[in-house]
Amino acid sequence: MQYMCLIYSADNAGPQPGTPEFGPFMKAYQDFTSMVKEKGVMIHADALQPIGTATTVTKENGKLETTDGPFAETKEQLGGYYLLDCKDLDEAISYAAQIPTAEHGRVEVRPVMVWDD
């Protein structure tokens, strides 16, 4: 079963670029990515551009509206994701707990509906 691990954190939470902690933090991400690849569970992963680059699209009564920024004003922002193929939710949770941002943010784990063509 496929699970999406959505990575959320508040702006400026956790190690920041230019600090001594940032290098080890990024290394932890590299190590995690290598591990899930080696175990054969990683389907895909990416980071997102900063929240300031987001555009929200709405269509009401046939009228298209766009708004700069995210849909909701929240402290935590979606920063990236891992798409994993796990045997069950427990396995997906065990991997999500190892994502470095879980220590200063949140990782939401959701099963993916895979539509067959």
PDB file of N, CA and C in Angstrom:
ATOM      1  N   MET A   1       0.852  -1.177   0.000  1.00  0.00           N
ATOM      2  CA  MET A   1       0.000   0.000   0.000  1.00  0.00           C
ATOM      3  C   MET A   1       0.893   1.233   0.000  1.00  0.00           C
ATOM      4  N   GLN A   2       0.470   2.225  -0.733  1.00  0.00           N
ATOM      5  CA  GLN A   2       1.237   3.466  -0.782  1.00  0.00           C
ATOM      6  C   GLN A   2       0.764   4.428   0.305  1.00  0.00           C
ATOM      7  N   TYR A   3       1.758   5.087   0.920  1.00  0.00           N
ATOM      8  CA  TYR A   3       1.483   6.084   1.955  1.00  0.00           C
ATOM      9  C   TYR A   3       2.246   7.356   1.630  1.00  0.00           C
ATOM     10  N   MET A   4       1.567   8.488   1.757  1.00  0.00           N
ATOM     11  CA  MET A   4       2.191   9.795   1.569  1.00  0.00           C
ATOM     12  C   MET A   4       2.544  10.321   2.956  1.00  0.00           C
ATOM     13  N   CYS A   5       3.804  10.650   3.136  1.00  0.00           N
ATOM     14  CA  CYS A   5       4.275  11.257   4.375  1.00  0.00           C
ATOM     15  C   CYS A   5       4.463  12.743   4.095  1.00  0.00           C
ATOM     16  N   LEU A   6       3.538  13.558   4.575  1.00  0.00           N
ATOM     17  CA  LEU A   6       3.544  14.993   4.336  1.00  0.00           C
ATOM     18  C   LEU A   6       4.272  15.675   5.483  1.00  0.00           C
ATOM     19  N   ILE A   7       5.279  16.467   5.152  1.00  0.00           N
ATOM     20  CA  ILE A   7       6.181  17.046   6.144  1.00  0.00           C
ATOM     21  C   ILE A   7       5.800  18.505   6.394  1.00  0.00           C
ATOM     22  N   TYR A   8       5.405  18.808   7.636  1.00  0.00           N
ATOM     23  CA  TYR A   8       4.990  20.154   8.022  1.00  0.00           C
ATOM     24  C   TYR A   8       5.906  20.702   9.105  1.00  0.00           C
ATOM     25  N   SER A   9       6.205  21.989   9.012  1.00  0.00           N
ATOM     26  CA  SER A   9       6.904  22.662  10.111  1.00  0.00           C
ATOM     27  C   SER A   9       6.612  24.152  10.030  1.00  0.00           C
ATOM     28  N   ALA A  10       6.772  24.819  11.157  1.00  0.00           N
ATOM     29  CA  ALA A  10       6.601  26.272  11.191  1.00  0.00           C
ATOM     30  C   ALA A  10       7.812  26.920  10.528  1.00  0.00           C
ATOM     31  N   ASP A  11       7.592  28.083   9.933  1.00  0.00           N
ATOM     32  CA  ASP A  11       8.679  28.826   9.313  1.00  0.00           C
ATOM     33  C   ASP A  11       9.765  29.068  10.348  1.00  0.00           C
ATOM     34  N   ASN A  12      10.989  28.823   9.992  1.00  0.00           N
ATOM     35  CA  ASN A  12      12.155  29.003  10.865  1.00  0.00           C
ATOM     36  C   ASN A  12      12.218  28.018  12.028  1.00  0.00           C
ATOM     37  N   ALA A  13      11.424  26.947  11.996  1.00  0.00           N
ATOM     38  CA  ALA A  13      11.535  25.916  13.025  1.00  0.00           C
ATOM     39  C   ALA A  13      12.677  24.984  12.639  1.00  0.00           C
ATOM     40  N   GLY A  14      13.364  24.484  13.619  1.00  0.00           N
ATOM     41  CA  GLY A  14      14.448  23.554  13.346  1.00  0.00           C
ATOM     42  C   GLY A  14      15.693  24.252  12.846  1.00  0.00           C
ATOM     43  N   PRO A  15      16.718  23.471  12.521  1.00  0.00           N
ATOM     44  CA  PRO A  15      17.989  24.037  12.067  1.00  0.00           C
ATOM     45  C   PRO A  15      17.833  24.884  10.803  1.00  0.00           C
ATOM     46  N   GLN A  16      18.470  26.036  10.790  1.00  0.00           N
ATOM     47  CA  GLN A  16      18.377  26.972   9.670  1.00  0.00           C
ATOM     48  C   GLN A  16      19.687  27.011   8.884  1.00  0.00           C
ATOM     49  N   PRO A  17      19.595  27.290   7.568  1.00  0.00           N
ATOM     50  CA  PRO A  17      20.819  27.414   6.772  1.00  0.00           C
ATOM     51  C   PRO A  17      21.775  28.424   7.413  1.00  0.00           C
ATOM     52  N   GLY A  18      23.051  28.079   7.379  1.00  0.00           N
ATOM     53  CA  GLY A  18      24.061  28.967   7.938  1.00  0.00           C
ATOM     54  C   GLY A  18      24.390  28.702   9.391  1.00  0.00           C
ATOM     55  N   THR A  19      23.622  27.824  10.045  1.00  0.00           N
ATOM     56  CA  THR A  19      23.918  27.489  11.439  1.00  0.00           C
ATOM     57  C   THR A  19      24.698  26.170  11.477  1.00  0.00           C
ATOM     58  N   PRO A  20      25.431  25.933  12.555  1.00  0.00           N
ATOM     59  CA  PRO A  20      26.187  24.683  12.667  1.00  0.00           C
ATOM     60  C   PRO A  20      25.291  23.435  12.651  1.00  0.00           C
ATOM     61  N   GLU A  21      24.037  23.572  13.084  1.00  0.00           N
ATOM     62  CA  GLU A  21      23.124  22.430  13.146  1.00  0.00           C
ATOM     63  C   GLU A  21      22.548  22.048  11.785  1.00  0.00           C
ATOM     64  N   PHE A  22      22.624  22.964  10.824  1.00  0.00           N
ATOM     65  CA  PHE A  22      21.969  22.720   9.538  1.00  0.00           C
ATOM     66  C   PHE A  22      22.619  21.575   8.760  1.00  0.00           C
ATOM     67  N   GLY A  23      23.939  21.494   8.761  1.00  0.00           N
ATOM     68  CA  GLY A  23      24.635  20.426   8.035  1.00  0.00           C
ATOM     69  C   GLY A  23      24.221  19.041   8.512  1.00  0.00           C
ATOM     70  N   PRO A  24      24.277  18.782   9.823  1.00  0.00           N
ATOM     71  CA  PRO A  24      23.835  17.475  10.313  1.00  0.00           C
ATOM     72  C   PRO A  24      22.351  17.198  10.029  1.00  0.00           C
ATOM     73  N   PHE A  25      21.518  18.237  10.065  1.00  0.00           N
ATOM     74  CA  PHE A  25      20.095  18.085   9.764  1.00  0.00           C
ATOM     75  C   PHE A  25      19.908  17.614   8.320  1.00  0.00           C
ATOM     76  N   MET A  26      20.596  18.249   7.383  1.00  0.00           N
ATOM     77  CA  MET A  26      20.491  17.846   5.978  1.00  0.00           C
ATOM     78  C   MET A  26      21.089  16.454   5.762  1.00  0.00           C
ATOM     79  N   LYS A  27      22.146  16.137   6.482  1.00  0.00           N
ATOM     80  CA  LYS A  27      22.757  14.805   6.395  1.00  0.00           C
ATOM     81  C   LYS A  27      21.765  13.749   6.878  1.00  0.00           C
ATOM     82  N   ALA A  28      20.995  14.073   7.912  1.00  0.00           N
ATOM     83  CA  ALA A  28      19.979  13.139   8.403  1.00  0.00           C
ATOM     84  C   ALA A  28      18.933  12.877   7.320  1.00  0.00           C
ATOM     85  N   TYR A  29      18.561  13.903   6.554  1.00  0.00           N
ATOM     86  CA  TYR A  29      17.637  13.708   5.429  1.00  0.00           C
ATOM     87  C   TYR A  29      18.266  12.831   4.358  1.00  0.00           C
ATOM     88  N   GLN A  30      19.536  13.067   4.035  1.00  0.00           N
ATOM     89  CA  GLN A  30      20.220  12.236   3.038  1.00  0.00           C
ATOM     90  C   GLN A  30      20.275  10.780   3.503  1.00  0.00           C
ATOM     91  N   ASP A  31      20.582  10.582   4.780  1.00  0.00           N
ATOM     92  CA  ASP A  31      20.649   9.227   5.328  1.00  0.00           C
ATOM     93  C   ASP A  31      19.281   8.550   5.290  1.00  0.00           C
ATOM     94  N   PHE A  32      18.227   9.290   5.661  1.00  0.00           N
ATOM     95  CA  PHE A  32      16.877   8.717   5.628  1.00  0.00           C
ATOM     96  C   PHE A  32      16.500   8.329   4.208  1.00  0.00           C
ATOM     97  N   THR A  33      16.766   9.230   3.249  1.00  0.00           N
ATOM     98  CA  THR A  33      16.432   8.959   1.851  1.00  0.00           C
ATOM     99  C   THR A  33      17.183   7.724   1.359  1.00  0.00           C
ATOM    100  N   SER A  34      18.457   7.630   1.666  1.00  0.00           N
ATOM    101  CA  SER A  34      19.241   6.455   1.268  1.00  0.00           C
ATOM    102  C   SER A  34      18.656   5.180   1.870  1.00  0.00           C
ATOM    103  N   MET A  35      18.258   5.245   3.142  1.00  0.00           N
ATOM    104  CA  MET A  35      17.727   4.070   3.825  1.00  0.00           C
ATOM    105  C   MET A  35      16.419   3.585   3.191  1.00  0.00           C
ATOM    106  N   VAL A  36      15.468   4.507   2.926  1.00  0.00           N
ATOM    107  CA  VAL A  36      14.192   4.053   2.355  1.00  0.00           C
ATOM    108  C   VAL A  36      14.373   3.588   0.914  1.00  0.00           C
ATOM    109  N   LYS A  37      15.368   4.144   0.203  1.00  0.00           N
ATOM    110  CA  LYS A  37      15.675   3.637  -1.141  1.00  0.00           C
ATOM    111  C   LYS A  37      16.244   2.222  -1.055  1.00  0.00           C
ATOM    112  N   GLU A  38      17.205   2.011  -0.152  1.00  0.00           N
ATOM    113  CA  GLU A  38      17.827   0.702   0.006  1.00  0.00           C
ATOM    114  C   GLU A  38      16.821  -0.365   0.415  1.00  0.00           C
ATOM    115  N   LYS A  39      15.839   0.014   1.236  1.00  0.00           N
ATOM    116  CA  LYS A  39      14.814  -0.938   1.681  1.00  0.00           C
ATOM    117  C   LYS A  39      13.751  -1.157   0.616  1.00  0.00           C
ATOM    118  N   GLY A  40      13.809  -0.367  -0.460  1.00  0.00           N
ATOM    119  CA  GLY A  40      12.879  -0.548  -1.570  1.00  0.00           C
ATOM    120  C   GLY A  40      11.480  -0.035  -1.315  1.00  0.00           C
ATOM    121  N   VAL A  41      11.308   0.879  -0.346  1.00  0.00           N
ATOM    122  CA  VAL A  41       9.966   1.398  -0.063  1.00  0.00           C
ATOM    123  C   VAL A  41       9.730   2.789  -0.638  1.00  0.00           C
ATOM    124  N   MET A  42      10.785   3.489  -1.029  1.00  0.00           N
ATOM    125  CA  MET A  42      10.596   4.850  -1.539  1.00  0.00           C
ATOM    126  C   MET A  42      10.136   4.818  -2.992  1.00  0.00           C
ATOM    127  N   ILE A  43       9.024   5.486  -3.249  1.00  0.00           N
ATOM    128  CA  ILE A  43       8.529   5.659  -4.613  1.00  0.00           C
ATOM    129  C   ILE A  43       9.008   6.996  -5.149  1.00  0.00           C
ATOM    130  N   HIS A  44       8.866   8.045  -4.343  1.00  0.00           N
ATOM    131  CA  HIS A  44       9.283   9.387  -4.760  1.00  0.00           C
ATOM    132  C   HIS A  44       9.344  10.286  -3.539  1.00  0.00           C
ATOM    133  N   ALA A  45      10.110  11.361  -3.648  1.00  0.00           N
ATOM    134  CA  ALA A  45      10.182  12.364  -2.585  1.00  0.00           C
ATOM    135  C   ALA A  45      10.635  13.674  -3.192  1.00  0.00           C
ATOM    136  N   ASP A  46      10.156  14.761  -2.645  1.00  0.00           N
ATOM    137  CA  ASP A  46      10.582  16.091  -3.062  1.00  0.00           C
ATOM    138  C   ASP A  46      10.322  17.088  -1.955  1.00  0.00           C
ATOM    139  N   ALA A  47      11.092  18.155  -1.990  1.00  0.00           N
ATOM    140  CA  ALA A  47      10.835  19.309  -1.136  1.00  0.00           C
ATOM    141  C   ALA A  47      10.056  20.319  -1.965  1.00  0.00           C
ATOM    142  N   LEU A  48       9.356  21.209  -1.293  1.00  0.00           N
ATOM    143  CA  LEU A  48       8.596  22.248  -1.985  1.00  0.00           C
ATOM    144  C   LEU A  48       9.315  23.585  -1.858  1.00  0.00           C
ATOM    145  N   GLN A  49       9.082  24.454  -2.816  1.00  0.00           N
ATOM    146  CA  GLN A  49       9.598  25.820  -2.738  1.00  0.00           C
ATOM    147  C   GLN A  49       8.929  26.511  -1.547  1.00  0.00           C
ATOM    148  N   PRO A  50       9.489  27.615  -1.043  1.00  0.00           N
ATOM    149  CA  PRO A  50       8.919  28.297   0.121  1.00  0.00           C
ATOM    150  C   PRO A  50       7.451  28.685  -0.079  1.00  0.00           C
ATOM    151  N   ILE A  51       6.747  28.813   1.025  1.00  0.00           N
ATOM    152  CA  ILE A  51       5.301  29.093   1.020  1.00  0.00           C
ATOM    153  C   ILE A  51       4.952  30.368   0.261  1.00  0.00           C
ATOM    154  N   GLY A  52       5.877  31.316   0.220  1.00  0.00           N
ATOM    155  CA  GLY A  52       5.639  32.561  -0.502  1.00  0.00           C
ATOM    156  C   GLY A  52       5.481  32.370  -2.006  1.00  0.00           C
ATOM    157  N   THR A  53       5.845  31.206  -2.520  1.00  0.00           N
ATOM    158  CA  THR A  53       5.707  30.937  -3.952  1.00  0.00           C
ATOM    159  C   THR A  53       4.378  30.265  -4.289  1.00  0.00           C
ATOM    160  N   ALA A  54       3.572  29.951  -3.269  1.00  0.00           N
ATOM    161  CA  ALA A  54       2.316  29.235  -3.487  1.00  0.00           C
ATOM    162  C   ALA A  54       1.253  30.131  -4.109  1.00  0.00           C
ATOM    163  N   THR A  55       0.388  29.508  -4.880  1.00  0.00           N
ATOM    164  CA  THR A  55      -0.801  30.155  -5.430  1.00  0.00           C
ATOM    165  C   THR A  55      -1.981  29.227  -5.161  1.00  0.00           C
ATOM    166  N   THR A  56      -3.046  29.756  -4.591  1.00  0.00           N
ATOM    167  CA  THR A  56      -4.244  28.973  -4.329  1.00  0.00           C
ATOM    168  C   THR A  56      -5.274  29.289  -5.410  1.00  0.00           C
ATOM    169  N   VAL A  57      -5.859  28.234  -5.974  1.00  0.00           N
ATOM    170  CA  VAL A  57      -6.831  28.370  -7.062  1.00  0.00           C
ATOM    171  C   VAL A  57      -8.205  27.962  -6.551  1.00  0.00           C
ATOM    172  N   THR A  58      -9.208  28.785  -6.840  1.00  0.00           N
ATOM    173  CA  THR A  58     -10.596  28.517  -6.479  1.00  0.00           C
ATOM    174  C   THR A  58     -11.453  28.800  -7.702  1.00  0.00           C
ATOM    175  N   LYS A  59     -12.496  28.013  -7.874  1.00  0.00           N
ATOM    176  CA  LYS A  59     -13.430  28.270  -8.969  1.00  0.00           C
ATOM    177  C   LYS A  59     -14.844  28.174  -8.412  1.00  0.00           C
ATOM    178  N   GLU A  60     -15.493  29.337  -8.309  1.00  0.00           N
ATOM    179  CA  GLU A  60     -16.858  29.389  -7.813  1.00  0.00           C
ATOM    180  C   GLU A  60     -17.757  29.988  -8.874  1.00  0.00           C
ATOM    181  N   ASN A  61     -18.884  29.325  -9.111  1.00  0.00           N
ATOM    182  CA  ASN A  61     -19.853  29.793 -10.112  1.00  0.00           C
ATOM    183  C   ASN A  61     -19.189  30.058 -11.450  1.00  0.00           C
ATOM    184  N   GLY A  62     -18.230  29.208 -11.813  1.00  0.00           N
ATOM    185  CA  GLY A  62     -17.565  29.338 -13.093  1.00  0.00           C
ATOM    186  C   GLY A  62     -16.490  30.406 -13.153  1.00  0.00           C
ATOM    187  N   LYS A  63     -16.275  31.140 -12.065  1.00  0.00           N
ATOM    188  CA  LYS A  63     -15.289  32.215 -12.049  1.00  0.00           C
ATOM    189  C   LYS A  63     -14.009  31.732 -11.364  1.00  0.00           C
ATOM    190  N   LEU A  64     -12.904  31.831 -12.079  1.00  0.00           N
ATOM    191  CA  LEU A  64     -11.602  31.441 -11.561  1.00  0.00           C
ATOM    192  C   LEU A  64     -11.017  32.563 -10.717  1.00  0.00           C
ATOM    193  N   GLU A  65     -10.572  32.217  -9.519  1.00  0.00           N
ATOM    194  CA  GLU A  65      -9.904  33.181  -8.652  1.00  0.00           C
ATOM    195  C   GLU A  65      -8.589  32.578  -8.191  1.00  0.00           C
ATOM    196  N   THR A  66      -7.551  33.399  -8.168  1.00  0.00           N
ATOM    197  CA  THR A  66      -6.263  32.955  -7.638  1.00  0.00           C
ATOM    198  C   THR A  66      -5.859  33.894  -6.513  1.00  0.00           C
ATOM    199  N   THR A  67      -5.191  33.317  -5.531  1.00  0.00           N
ATOM    200  CA  THR A  67      -4.715  34.076  -4.379  1.00  0.00           C
ATOM    201  C   THR A  67      -3.265  33.702  -4.144  1.00  0.00           C
ATOM    202  N   ASP A  68      -2.435  34.703  -3.905  1.00  0.00           N
ATOM    203  CA  ASP A  68      -1.046  34.418  -3.557  1.00  0.00           C
ATOM    204  C   ASP A  68      -1.007  33.787  -2.177  1.00  0.00           C
ATOM    205  N   GLY A  69      -0.215  32.748  -2.045  1.00  0.00           N
ATOM    206  CA  GLY A  69      -0.031  32.111  -0.751  1.00  0.00           C
ATOM    207  C   GLY A  69      -0.870  30.868  -0.578  1.00  0.00           C
ATOM    208  N   PRO A  70      -0.787  30.277   0.617  1.00  0.00           N
ATOM    209  CA  PRO A  70      -1.474  29.016   0.896  1.00  0.00           C
ATOM    210  C   PRO A  70      -2.968  29.227   1.125  1.00  0.00           C
ATOM    211  N   PHE A  71      -3.708  28.116   1.131  1.00  0.00           N
ATOM    212  CA  PHE A  71      -5.145  28.148   1.345  1.00  0.00           C
ATOM    213  C   PHE A  71      -5.475  28.630   2.750  1.00  0.00           C
ATOM    214  N   ALA A  72      -4.748  28.150   3.739  1.00  0.00           N
ATOM    215  CA  ALA A  72      -5.051  28.488   5.128  1.00  0.00           C
ATOM    216  C   ALA A  72      -3.868  29.184   5.779  1.00  0.00           C
ATOM    217  N   GLU A  73      -4.167  30.109   6.652  1.00  0.00           N
ATOM    218  CA  GLU A  73      -3.121  30.769   7.436  1.00  0.00           C
ATOM    219  C   GLU A  73      -2.836  29.883   8.645  1.00  0.00           C
ATOM    220  N   THR A  74      -1.689  29.255   8.656  1.00  0.00           N
ATOM    221  CA  THR A  74      -1.307  28.397   9.765  1.00  0.00           C
ATOM    222  C   THR A  74       0.155  28.636  10.107  1.00  0.00           C
ATOM    223  N   LYS A  75       0.556  28.211  11.279  1.00  0.00           N
ATOM    224  CA  LYS A  75       1.957  28.324  11.663  1.00  0.00           C
ATOM    225  C   LYS A  75       2.799  27.309  10.910  1.00  0.00           C
ATOM    226  N   GLU A  76       2.259  26.116  10.728  1.00  0.00           N
ATOM    227  CA  GLU A  76       3.008  25.068  10.054  1.00  0.00           C
ATOM    228  C   GLU A  76       2.696  25.060   8.570  1.00  0.00           C
ATOM    229  N   GLN A  77       3.715  24.762   7.779  1.00  0.00           N
ATOM    230  CA  GLN A  77       3.596  24.764   6.325  1.00  0.00           C
ATOM    231  C   GLN A  77       4.028  23.417   5.771  1.00  0.00           C
ATOM    232  N   LEU A  78       3.413  23.021   4.677  1.00  0.00           N
ATOM    233  CA  LEU A  78       3.827  21.811   3.980  1.00  0.00           C
ATOM    234  C   LEU A  78       5.132  22.105   3.272  1.00  0.00           C
ATOM    235  N   GLY A  79       6.174  21.365   3.622  1.00  0.00           N
ATOM    236  CA  GLY A  79       7.495  21.633   3.062  1.00  0.00           C
ATOM    237  C   GLY A  79       8.000  20.572   2.112  1.00  0.00           C
ATOM    238  N   GLY A  80       7.372  19.404   2.123  1.00  0.00           N
ATOM    239  CA  GLY A  80       7.817  18.334   1.247  1.00  0.00           C
ATOM    240  C   GLY A  80       7.095  17.047   1.583  1.00  0.00           C
ATOM    241  N   TYR A  81       7.508  15.972   0.916  1.00  0.00           N
ATOM    242  CA  TYR A  81       6.828  14.699   1.121  1.00  0.00           C
ATOM    243  C   TYR A  81       7.720  13.531   0.716  1.00  0.00           C
ATOM    244  N   TYR A  82       7.367  12.383   1.239  1.00  0.00           N
ATOM    245  CA  TYR A  82       7.886  11.095   0.775  1.00  0.00           C
ATOM    246  C   TYR A  82       6.681  10.250   0.409  1.00  0.00           C
ATOM    247  N   LEU A  83       6.741   9.586  -0.723  1.00  0.00           N
ATOM    248  CA  LEU A  83       5.724   8.616  -1.108  1.00  0.00           C
ATOM    249  C   LEU A  83       6.368   7.239  -0.931  1.00  0.00           C
ATOM    250  N   LEU A  84       5.816   6.470   0.005  1.00  0.00           N
ATOM    251  CA  LEU A  84       6.411   5.190   0.363  1.00  0.00           C
ATOM    252  C   LEU A  84       5.452   4.036   0.080  1.00  0.00           C
ATOM    253  N   ASP A  85       6.002   2.888  -0.255  1.00  0.00           N
ATOM    254  CA  ASP A  85       5.223   1.672  -0.453  1.00  0.00           C
ATOM    255  C   ASP A  85       5.498   0.765   0.741  1.00  0.00           C
ATOM    256  N   CYS A  86       4.535   0.699   1.666  1.00  0.00           N
ATOM    257  CA  CYS A  86       4.713  -0.036   2.917  1.00  0.00           C
ATOM    258  C   CYS A  86       3.676  -1.143   3.019  1.00  0.00           C
ATOM    259  N   LYS A  87       3.980  -2.149   3.839  1.00  0.00           N
ATOM    260  CA  LYS A  87       3.045  -3.265   3.986  1.00  0.00           C
ATOM    261  C   LYS A  87       1.779  -2.855   4.735  1.00  0.00           C
ATOM    262  N   ASP A  88       1.916  -1.854   5.654  1.00  0.00           N
ATOM    263  CA  ASP A  88       0.745  -1.416   6.415  1.00  0.00           C
ATOM    264  C   ASP A  88       1.031  -0.052   7.055  1.00  0.00           C
ATOM    265  N   LEU A  89       0.019   0.473   7.735  1.00  0.00           N
ATOM    266  CA  LEU A  89       0.141   1.783   8.367  1.00  0.00           C
ATOM    267  C   LEU A  89       1.237   1.796   9.435  1.00  0.00           C
ATOM    268  N   ASP A  90       1.359   0.727  10.180  1.00  0.00           N
ATOM    269  CA  ASP A  90       2.397   0.679  11.222  1.00  0.00           C
ATOM    270  C   ASP A  90       3.788   0.856  10.631  1.00  0.00           C
ATOM    271  N   GLU A  91       4.051   0.201   9.514  1.00  0.00           N
ATOM    272  CA  GLU A  91       5.355   0.356   8.868  1.00  0.00           C
ATOM    273  C   GLU A  91       5.535   1.789   8.373  1.00  0.00           C
ATOM    274  N   ALA A  92       4.497   2.371   7.784  1.00  0.00           N
ATOM    275  CA  ALA A  92       4.574   3.753   7.300  1.00  0.00           C
ATOM    276  C   ALA A  92       4.856   4.713   8.456  1.00  0.00           C
ATOM    277  N   ILE A  93       4.210   4.494   9.584  1.00  0.00           N
ATOM    278  CA  ILE A  93       4.430   5.339  10.760  1.00  0.00           C
ATOM    279  C   ILE A  93       5.863   5.198  11.257  1.00  0.00           C
ATOM    280  N   SER A  94       6.395   3.986  11.234  1.00  0.00           N
ATOM    281  CA  SER A  94       7.764   3.789  11.717  1.00  0.00           C
ATOM    282  C   SER A  94       8.762   4.549  10.838  1.00  0.00           C
ATOM    283  N   TYR A  95       8.520   4.602   9.529  1.00  0.00           N
ATOM    284  CA  TYR A  95       9.383   5.401   8.655  1.00  0.00           C
ATOM    285  C   TYR A  95       9.162   6.895   8.880  1.00  0.00           C
ATOM    286  N   ALA A  96       7.907   7.317   8.986  1.00  0.00           N
ATOM    287  CA  ALA A  96       7.601   8.737   9.181  1.00  0.00           C
ATOM    288  C   ALA A  96       8.269   9.278  10.437  1.00  0.00           C
ATOM    289  N   ALA A  97       8.351   8.456  11.478  1.00  0.00           N
ATOM    290  CA  ALA A  97       8.978   8.887  12.727  1.00  0.00           C
ATOM    291  C   ALA A  97      10.467   9.154  12.562  1.00  0.00           C
ATOM    292  N   GLN A  98      11.069   8.607  11.508  1.00  0.00           N
ATOM    293  CA  GLN A  98      12.498   8.784  11.258  1.00  0.00           C
ATOM    294  C   GLN A  98      12.804   9.985  10.362  1.00  0.00           C
ATOM    295  N   ILE A  99      11.771  10.630   9.819  1.00  0.00           N
ATOM    296  CA  ILE A  99      11.986  11.826   9.003  1.00  0.00           C
ATOM    297  C   ILE A  99      12.451  12.941   9.934  1.00  0.00           C
ATOM    298  N   PRO A 100      13.598  13.572   9.654  1.00  0.00           N
ATOM    299  CA  PRO A 100      14.186  14.534  10.594  1.00  0.00           C
ATOM    300  C   PRO A 100      13.251  15.638  11.086  1.00  0.00           C
ATOM    301  N   THR A 101      12.363  16.137  10.260  1.00  0.00           N
ATOM    302  CA  THR A 101      11.474  17.224  10.676  1.00  0.00           C
ATOM    303  C   THR A 101      10.473  16.775  11.736  1.00  0.00           C
ATOM    304  N   ALA A 102      10.281  15.479  11.909  1.00  0.00           N
ATOM    305  CA  ALA A 102       9.363  14.999  12.947  1.00  0.00           C
ATOM    306  C   ALA A 102       9.787  15.486  14.326  1.00  0.00           C
ATOM    307  N   GLU A 103      11.066  15.844  14.498  1.00  0.00           N
ATOM    308  CA  GLU A 103      11.549  16.315  15.793  1.00  0.00           C
ATOM    309  C   GLU A 103      11.144  17.754  16.104  1.00  0.00           C
ATOM    310  N   HIS A 104      10.800  18.558  15.102  1.00  0.00           N
ATOM    311  CA  HIS A 104      10.430  19.955  15.366  1.00  0.00           C
ATOM    312  C   HIS A 104       9.211  20.393  14.570  1.00  0.00           C
ATOM    313  N   GLY A 105       8.560  19.449  13.919  1.00  0.00           N
ATOM    314  CA  GLY A 105       7.354  19.728  13.145  1.00  0.00           C
ATOM    315  C   GLY A 105       6.428  18.530  13.236  1.00  0.00           C
ATOM    316  N   ARG A 106       5.761  18.238  12.136  1.00  0.00           N
ATOM    317  CA  ARG A 106       4.841  17.099  12.091  1.00  0.00           C
ATOM    318  C   ARG A 106       4.983  16.392  10.753  1.00  0.00           C
ATOM    319  N   VAL A 107       4.704  15.107  10.775  1.00  0.00           N
ATOM    320  CA  VAL A 107       4.647  14.327   9.545  1.00  0.00           C
ATOM    321  C   VAL A 107       3.282  13.647   9.516  1.00  0.00           C
ATOM    322  N   GLU A 108       2.470  14.029   8.555  1.00  0.00           N
ATOM    323  CA  GLU A 108       1.149  13.426   8.392  1.00  0.00           C
ATOM    324  C   GLU A 108       1.291  12.223   7.459  1.00  0.00           C
ATOM    325  N   VAL A 109       0.753  11.089   7.880  1.00  0.00           N
ATOM    326  CA  VAL A 109       0.814   9.861   7.086  1.00  0.00           C
ATOM    327  C   VAL A 109      -0.584   9.560   6.571  1.00  0.00           C
ATOM    328  N   ARG A 110      -0.711   9.473   5.251  1.00  0.00           N
ATOM    329  CA  ARG A 110      -2.030   9.207   4.660  1.00  0.00           C
ATOM    330  C   ARG A 110      -1.924   8.134   3.596  1.00  0.00           C
ATOM    331  N   PRO A 111      -2.847   7.172   3.610  1.00  0.00           N
ATOM    332  CA  PRO A 111      -2.868   6.185   2.543  1.00  0.00           C
ATOM    333  C   PRO A 111      -3.258   6.858   1.233  1.00  0.00           C
ATOM    334  N   VAL A 112      -2.699   6.353   0.151  1.00  0.00           N
ATOM    335  CA  VAL A 112      -2.956   6.910  -1.181  1.00  0.00           C
ATOM    336  C   VAL A 112      -3.940   6.013  -1.904  1.00  0.00           C
ATOM    337  N   MET A 113      -4.946   6.612  -2.525  1.00  0.00           N
ATOM    338  CA  MET A 113      -5.848   5.865  -3.395  1.00  0.00           C
ATOM    339  C   MET A 113      -5.171   5.744  -4.742  1.00  0.00           C
ATOM    340  N   VAL A 114      -4.814   4.558  -5.131  1.00  0.00           N
ATOM    341  CA  VAL A 114      -4.159   4.350  -6.420  1.00  0.00           C
ATOM    342  C   VAL A 114      -5.242   3.909  -7.406  1.00  0.00           C
ATOM    343  N   TRP A 115      -5.452   4.712  -8.415  1.00  0.00           N
ATOM    344  CA  TRP A 115      -6.454   4.425  -9.427  1.00  0.00           C
ATOM    345  C   TRP A 115      -5.802   3.652 -10.562  1.00  0.00           C
ATOM    346  N   ASP A 116      -6.326   2.498 -10.838  1.00  0.00           N
ATOM    347  CA  ASP A 116      -5.823   1.707 -11.953  1.00  0.00           C
ATOM    348  C   ASP A 116      -6.373   2.277 -13.247  1.00  0.00           C
ATOM    349  N   ASP A 117      -5.504   2.307 -14.262  1.00  0.00           N
ATOM    350  CA  ASP A 117      -5.952   2.812 -15.573  1.00  0.00           C
ATOM    351  C   ASP A 117      -6.820   1.820 -16.280  1.00  0.00           C
TER     352      ASP A 117
END
